[in-house]
Amino acid sequence: MELPKEFCKRKHIKPGTSLRVTEVGDGLYVALVPEPTEKELKEVIAAAGSLARPQTQEDEETVRQVITEYRTEKRRKRG
C-alpha cells in the first residue's frame, strides 16, 4: 500500500513504520502503532519464560538493555 508523501511527512511515517489499518465505512483509518512501553516489553519477556522466576539485579539490567537497544533501533529506523 502506498500512502501520500505529504501525509507521511506530517505523520513522520518512514519505510518500516508499523501502521494499523482499520476499515471504516467505505474508507480506511490509518494509525501509527505506538512503541511498546517498558512495562509491555517486560511482560513479553516474562511471557517467554525468562522472567518467570524472581528477577535478579542482572536480569533487571538485561531487561533495561533490551529496552534501550529496541528504542535505539526504532529511532534509527525513523531517521
Protein backbone atom coordinates (compact mmCIF):
# COMPACT_ATOMS: atom_id res chain seq x y z
CA MET A 1 0.00 0.00 0.00
CA GLU A 2 1.35 3.45 -0.84
CA LEU A 3 0.47 6.49 1.24
CA PRO A 4 0.60 10.11 0.04
CA LYS A 5 4.05 11.67 0.53
CA GLU A 6 2.73 14.76 2.38
CA PHE A 7 0.70 12.58 4.77
CA CYS A 8 3.82 10.55 5.57
CA LYS A 9 5.84 13.72 6.19
CA ARG A 10 3.21 15.15 8.57
CA LYS A 11 2.89 11.89 10.50
CA HIS A 12 6.63 11.04 10.43
CA ILE A 13 5.95 7.76 8.62
CA LYS A 14 9.02 6.18 7.06
CA PRO A 15 9.53 2.78 5.43
CA GLY A 16 9.23 0.14 8.13
CA THR A 17 6.92 2.20 10.38
CA SER A 18 4.24 -0.02 11.93
CA LEU A 19 0.73 1.04 10.98
CA ARG A 20 -2.72 -0.18 11.94
CA VAL A 21 -5.24 0.00 9.11
CA THR A 22 -8.92 -0.33 10.03
CA GLU A 23 -11.84 -0.42 7.64
CA VAL A 24 -14.32 2.35 8.43
CA GLY A 25 -17.40 2.50 6.25
CA ASP A 26 -16.17 2.88 2.68
CA GLY A 27 -12.72 4.07 3.74
CA LEU A 28 -9.69 3.20 5.80
CA TYR A 29 -8.43 4.61 9.10
CA VAL A 30 -4.60 4.61 9.30
CA ALA A 31 -2.91 4.98 12.70
CA LEU A 32 0.65 4.61 13.90
CA VAL A 33 1.23 1.62 16.16
CA PRO A 34 2.81 3.07 19.29
CA GLU A 35 6.13 1.77 20.57
CA PRO A 36 5.70 -0.71 23.39
CA THR A 37 6.22 0.67 26.86
CA GLU A 38 8.86 -0.67 29.23
CA LYS A 39 6.08 -2.50 31.10
CA GLU A 40 4.82 -4.13 27.89
CA LEU A 41 8.32 -5.25 26.92
CA LYS A 42 8.85 -6.74 30.38
CA GLU A 43 5.54 -8.61 30.05
CA VAL A 44 6.62 -10.02 26.68
CA ILE A 45 9.92 -11.18 28.13
CA ALA A 46 8.13 -12.68 31.13
CA ALA A 47 5.63 -14.46 28.87
CA ALA A 48 8.57 -16.02 27.03
CA GLY A 49 9.51 -17.65 30.33
CA SER A 50 12.81 -15.97 31.07
CA LEU A 51 11.39 -13.89 33.92
CA ALA A 52 9.03 -16.49 35.40
CA ARG A 53 11.31 -16.74 38.44
CA PRO A 54 12.17 -13.85 40.77
CA GLN A 55 14.37 -11.33 38.97
CA THR A 56 17.96 -10.79 39.94
CA GLN A 57 19.75 -7.47 39.51
CA GLU A 58 21.43 -8.98 36.44
CA ASP A 59 18.03 -9.91 34.97
CA GLU A 60 16.76 -6.38 35.54
CA GLU A 61 19.83 -4.94 33.81
CA THR A 62 19.32 -7.31 30.86
CA VAL A 63 15.72 -6.10 30.51
CA ARG A 64 16.87 -2.45 30.61
CA GLN A 65 19.49 -3.18 27.97
CA VAL A 66 16.99 -4.92 25.66
CA ILE A 67 14.58 -2.00 26.03
CA THR A 68 17.33 0.54 25.30
CA GLU A 69 18.50 -1.39 22.23
CA TYR A 70 14.93 -1.72 20.98
CA ARG A 71 14.25 2.01 21.34
CA THR A 72 17.58 2.94 19.74
CA GLU A 73 16.82 0.74 16.73
CA LYS A 74 13.30 2.21 16.39
CA ARG A 75 14.71 5.76 16.46
CA ARG A 76 17.40 4.83 13.92
CA LYS A 77 14.78 3.46 11.54
CA ARG A 78 12.68 6.62 11.88
CA GLY A 79 15.65 8.68 10.80
